[in-house]
Amino acid sequence: MPVSEEFDARPVRAFLPSPDLQVDESVWPASVPAMAQLLREGLELPAGLTVLVGENGSGKSTVVESLAEAYGLNPQGGSALARSFRIRESEPGIGAELTVVRGLRPRWSYFLRADTMSQLYTYLEQNPGRRPERLHELSHGEGFLEILRTRVNDDGFYLMDEPDAPLSFTASLGLAALLHDLAVGGSQVVVATHSPILAAIPGASLLELGPWGMRSATWDDLSLVIAWRQFMRDPQSYFRHLFGD
């Protein structure tokens, strides 16, 4: 994807594949269409908020993990300063094949990854900063909100994989407000989610992932939104097919 040569204040203008990268779509992670597209074409990021949506297995987490690794963040979650936080490696490990086209250097960057948060809490409690933290004493949702409050609180570049996972409806609205304020304030944020609330944030650029790879979408046309509308209108029509007699 072409990138303008003029100065750009976005922290990241694009992730581009290495010129000599060979993409074998029979081997993971390139066997996932969204990853194959990323490795063939790269990904230009607009200013503000980009939201990735799609079914389980569509590649949302794999894409975000690869962007984190390429950018220099710990692909298992945390900031660039938390490189020693490691659990069993499951990431694609292909971020080094992507070149980051950078714009204005951000003051802060962070990767919030839902499925490693419990281990991250332990790491943060064992490696305290200026004040001790007791994240394991909080509820699942409260822990996420504390991380958002203390680590996603400045202009910067943020990657998030399902940050809404433990949040109630009301808390998800609060997260939507936070993401909107970050984008308006000049931060650049990429969020992978199953939440129609986060996908509805005004001004967000939506990418729907699936067998086609990645494509731009509008909120009304997202499969996620269509399915939730149909379910809320008539949940029994779904349960009749699931529960039988």
Protein backbone atom coordinates (compact mmCIF):
# COMPACT_ATOMS: atom_id res chain seq x y z
CA MET A 1 0.00 0.00 0.00
CA PRO A 2 1.50 3.39 -0.97
CA VAL A 3 2.45 5.79 1.79
CA SER A 4 2.75 9.56 1.34
CA GLU A 5 6.28 10.92 1.66
CA GLU A 6 5.24 14.14 3.44
CA PHE A 7 5.57 14.48 7.19
CA ASP A 8 2.85 12.70 9.10
CA ALA A 9 2.07 13.09 12.81
CA ARG A 10 0.67 9.56 13.14
CA PRO A 11 2.90 7.44 15.39
CA VAL A 12 2.68 4.67 12.79
CA ARG A 13 1.99 5.36 9.15
CA ALA A 14 2.19 1.76 8.00
CA PHE A 15 3.47 -1.75 8.58
CA LEU A 16 5.14 -2.95 5.38
CA PRO A 17 6.45 -6.44 4.51
CA SER A 18 10.12 -7.02 3.86
CA PRO A 19 10.81 -6.80 0.11
CA ASP A 20 12.19 -10.35 -0.06
CA LEU A 21 9.52 -11.96 2.15
CA GLN A 22 8.16 -15.21 0.70
CA VAL A 23 4.55 -15.82 1.77
CA ASP A 24 3.64 -19.52 1.95
CA GLU A 25 -0.12 -19.65 2.49
CA SER A 26 0.01 -23.35 3.31
CA VAL A 27 1.93 -22.65 6.54
CA TRP A 28 0.65 -20.79 9.63
CA PRO A 29 0.36 -17.87 10.15
CA ALA A 30 0.07 -17.09 6.43
CA SER A 31 -2.57 -19.82 6.19
CA VAL A 32 -4.89 -17.30 7.88
CA PRO A 33 -6.17 -15.03 5.06
CA ALA A 34 -5.86 -11.82 7.09
CA MET A 35 -2.23 -12.62 7.91
CA ALA A 36 -1.48 -13.55 4.31
CA GLN A 37 -2.81 -10.16 3.24
CA LEU A 38 -0.76 -8.37 5.92
CA LEU A 39 2.41 -10.17 4.83
CA ARG A 40 1.75 -9.53 1.11
CA GLU A 41 0.42 -5.97 1.17
CA GLY A 42 1.21 -4.55 4.58
CA LEU A 43 -1.24 -2.37 6.47
CA GLU A 44 -1.52 1.42 6.41
CA LEU A 45 -2.97 2.77 9.63
CA PRO A 46 -5.17 5.86 9.64
CA ALA A 47 -5.03 8.38 12.42
CA GLY A 48 -7.12 7.70 15.50
CA LEU A 49 -8.89 4.41 16.17
CA THR A 50 -8.86 1.28 14.02
CA VAL A 51 -11.16 -1.59 15.08
CA LEU A 52 -10.64 -5.16 13.86
CA VAL A 53 -13.70 -7.42 13.99
CA GLY A 54 -14.34 -10.97 12.81
CA GLU A 55 -15.21 -14.49 13.90
CA ASN A 56 -12.97 -16.63 16.10
CA GLY A 57 -10.13 -17.85 13.93
CA SER A 58 -10.29 -14.91 11.54
CA GLY A 59 -6.84 -13.72 12.63
CA LYS A 60 -7.56 -10.67 14.77
CA SER A 61 -5.26 -11.65 17.63
CA THR A 62 -2.56 -12.96 15.30
CA VAL A 63 -2.52 -9.68 13.37
CA VAL A 64 -2.34 -7.56 16.55
CA GLU A 65 0.41 -9.74 18.05
CA SER A 66 2.42 -9.38 14.84
CA LEU A 67 2.00 -5.61 14.87
CA ALA A 68 3.14 -5.52 18.51
CA GLU A 69 6.27 -7.53 17.75
CA ALA A 70 7.08 -5.39 14.70
CA TYR A 71 6.66 -2.20 16.70
CA GLY A 72 8.93 -3.41 19.51
CA LEU A 73 6.31 -4.12 22.16
CA ASN A 74 6.22 -7.38 24.05
CA PRO A 75 3.88 -9.52 21.88
CA GLN A 76 2.66 -11.23 25.06
CA GLY A 77 1.42 -7.93 26.45
CA GLY A 78 2.71 -4.91 28.32
CA SER A 79 4.97 -2.06 27.34
CA ALA A 80 8.32 -2.02 25.58
CA LEU A 81 9.85 -1.90 29.09
CA ALA A 82 8.34 -5.26 30.08
CA ARG A 83 10.33 -7.47 27.74
CA SER A 84 11.09 -9.97 30.51
CA PHE A 85 7.39 -10.79 30.95
CA ARG A 86 7.08 -14.15 29.15
CA ILE A 87 4.80 -17.15 29.27
CA ARG A 88 4.66 -20.09 26.86
CA GLU A 89 5.29 -18.61 23.43
CA SER A 90 2.34 -18.93 21.06
CA GLU A 91 2.80 -15.86 18.88
CA PRO A 92 3.47 -16.12 15.13
CA GLY A 93 6.99 -14.71 15.56
CA ILE A 94 6.88 -13.02 12.18
CA GLY A 95 6.82 -9.41 13.29
CA ALA A 96 10.47 -9.00 12.35
CA GLU A 97 9.42 -9.42 8.72
CA LEU A 98 7.41 -6.19 8.94
CA THR A 99 8.94 -2.72 8.68
CA VAL A 100 7.31 0.04 10.69
CA VAL A 101 6.98 3.34 8.81
CA ARG A 102 6.95 5.76 11.72
CA GLY A 103 5.72 9.31 12.01
CA LEU A 104 5.76 11.41 15.18
CA ARG A 105 7.37 9.57 18.09
CA PRO A 106 4.72 8.87 20.75
CA ARG A 107 5.30 9.52 24.44
CA TRP A 108 4.07 6.05 25.39
CA SER A 109 3.06 2.73 23.85
CA TYR A 110 1.33 -0.33 25.28
CA PHE A 111 -0.15 -3.67 24.23
CA LEU A 112 -3.15 -4.83 26.26
CA ARG A 113 -3.68 -8.54 25.58
CA ALA A 114 -6.68 -10.12 27.29
CA ASP A 115 -5.56 -13.76 27.37
CA THR A 116 -2.29 -13.07 29.21
CA MET A 117 -3.58 -10.54 31.74
CA SER A 118 -3.52 -12.86 34.78
CA GLN A 119 0.16 -13.65 34.20
CA LEU A 120 0.84 -9.96 33.59
CA TYR A 121 -0.72 -9.11 36.96
CA THR A 122 1.72 -11.51 38.62
CA TYR A 123 4.65 -9.97 36.76
CA LEU A 124 3.63 -6.44 37.75
CA GLU A 125 3.15 -7.42 41.40
CA GLN A 126 6.57 -9.07 41.47
CA ASN A 127 8.24 -6.15 39.66
CA PRO A 128 6.58 -3.08 41.21
CA GLY A 129 7.16 0.44 40.03
CA ARG A 130 6.84 3.49 42.24
CA ARG A 131 3.99 1.93 44.18
CA PRO A 132 2.98 -1.69 44.81
CA GLU A 133 -0.03 -3.09 42.97
CA ARG A 134 -2.47 -5.77 44.12
CA LEU A 135 -4.12 -6.57 40.80
CA HIS A 136 -4.98 -10.16 41.77
CA GLU A 137 -7.12 -8.82 44.61
CA LEU A 138 -9.41 -7.10 42.10
CA SER A 139 -12.19 -8.70 40.11
CA HIS A 140 -11.43 -9.68 36.51
CA GLY A 141 -13.10 -6.58 35.14
CA GLU A 142 -11.66 -4.28 37.81
CA GLY A 143 -8.15 -5.49 36.96
CA PHE A 144 -8.63 -4.59 33.31
CA LEU A 145 -9.97 -1.18 34.26
CA GLU A 146 -6.98 -0.57 36.56
CA ILE A 147 -4.57 -1.39 33.73
CA LEU A 148 -6.49 0.97 31.45
CA ARG A 149 -6.46 3.67 34.12
CA THR A 150 -2.73 3.40 34.84
CA ARG A 151 -1.21 2.29 31.49
CA VAL A 152 -3.53 3.74 28.86
CA ASN A 153 -3.61 7.28 30.16
CA ASP A 154 -1.38 9.34 27.89
CA ASP A 155 -1.09 10.23 24.22
CA GLY A 156 0.59 7.36 22.43
CA PHE A 157 0.37 4.23 20.32
CA TYR A 158 -1.81 1.43 21.69
CA LEU A 159 -2.61 -2.11 20.60
CA MET A 160 -5.43 -3.97 22.35
CA ASP A 161 -6.67 -7.51 21.92
CA GLU A 162 -10.23 -7.90 23.28
CA PRO A 163 -9.93 -5.25 26.03
CA ASP A 164 -13.70 -5.52 26.55
CA ALA A 165 -13.59 -9.27 27.37
CA PRO A 166 -14.37 -9.03 31.12
CA LEU A 167 -16.35 -5.79 31.05
CA SER A 168 -20.03 -5.25 31.71
CA PHE A 169 -22.20 -3.27 29.32
CA THR A 170 -21.72 -0.11 31.38
CA ALA A 171 -17.96 -0.62 31.70
CA SER A 172 -17.74 -1.24 27.94
CA LEU A 173 -19.34 2.14 27.38
CA GLY A 174 -16.65 3.63 29.63
CA LEU A 175 -13.97 1.89 27.56
CA ALA A 176 -15.56 3.27 24.39
CA ALA A 177 -15.35 6.78 25.86
CA LEU A 178 -11.68 6.23 26.75
CA LEU A 179 -10.82 5.00 23.24
CA HIS A 180 -12.70 7.90 21.67
CA ASP A 181 -10.89 10.42 23.88
CA LEU A 182 -7.51 8.86 23.08
CA ALA A 183 -8.19 9.11 19.34
CA VAL A 184 -9.44 12.70 19.59
CA GLY A 185 -6.36 13.59 21.66
CA GLY A 186 -3.98 12.38 18.96
CA SER A 187 -3.29 8.81 20.03
CA GLN A 188 -3.32 5.99 17.52
CA VAL A 189 -5.10 2.83 18.65
CA VAL A 190 -5.70 -0.59 17.09
CA VAL A 191 -8.32 -2.73 18.86
CA ALA A 192 -9.39 -6.30 18.10
CA THR A 193 -12.84 -7.02 19.51
CA HIS A 194 -16.14 -8.89 19.35
CA SER A 195 -17.95 -5.89 20.81
CA PRO A 196 -20.50 -4.00 18.69
CA ILE A 197 -20.13 -1.19 21.24
CA LEU A 198 -16.45 -0.58 20.44
CA ALA A 199 -17.08 -0.98 16.72
CA ALA A 200 -19.69 1.80 16.96
CA ILE A 201 -17.30 4.46 18.32
CA PRO A 202 -17.69 7.58 16.17
CA GLY A 203 -14.81 8.11 13.78
CA ALA A 204 -13.40 4.58 14.09
CA SER A 205 -12.02 2.91 10.98
CA LEU A 206 -13.45 -0.62 10.78
CA LEU A 207 -11.70 -3.63 9.27
CA GLU A 208 -13.66 -6.88 9.03
CA LEU A 209 -11.54 -10.04 8.92
CA GLY A 210 -12.64 -13.31 7.36
CA PRO A 211 -11.95 -15.75 4.51
CA TRP A 212 -11.41 -12.73 2.24
CA GLY A 213 -8.61 -11.36 4.43
CA MET A 214 -9.15 -7.80 5.70
CA ARG A 215 -11.61 -5.33 4.22
CA SER A 216 -13.03 -1.93 5.17
CA ALA A 217 -16.55 -2.04 6.53
CA THR A 218 -19.33 0.07 7.96
CA TRP A 219 -20.96 -0.67 11.32
CA ASP A 220 -24.39 -1.50 9.88
CA ASP A 221 -22.91 -4.04 7.48
CA LEU A 222 -20.74 -5.92 9.98
CA SER A 223 -21.74 -9.58 10.37
CA LEU A 224 -21.29 -9.03 14.12
CA VAL A 225 -23.89 -6.27 14.20
CA ILE A 226 -26.36 -8.10 11.95
CA ALA A 227 -26.16 -11.23 14.12
CA TRP A 228 -26.68 -9.34 17.39
CA ARG A 229 -29.63 -7.42 15.98
CA GLN A 230 -31.30 -10.63 14.86
CA PHE A 231 -30.64 -12.34 18.18
CA MET A 232 -31.94 -9.48 20.30
CA ARG A 233 -35.06 -9.29 18.18
CA ASP A 234 -35.85 -13.01 18.47
CA PRO A 235 -33.46 -15.09 20.64
CA GLN A 236 -35.76 -18.11 20.59
CA SER A 237 -35.28 -18.48 16.85
CA TYR A 238 -31.61 -19.22 17.56
CA PHE A 239 -32.27 -21.49 20.53
CA ARG A 240 -34.75 -23.64 18.60
CA HIS A 241 -31.91 -24.70 16.32
CA LEU A 242 -29.50 -25.26 19.21
CA PHE A 243 -31.56 -27.06 21.82
CA GLY A 244 -33.80 -29.30 19.74
CA ASP A 245 -36.67 -30.97 21.61
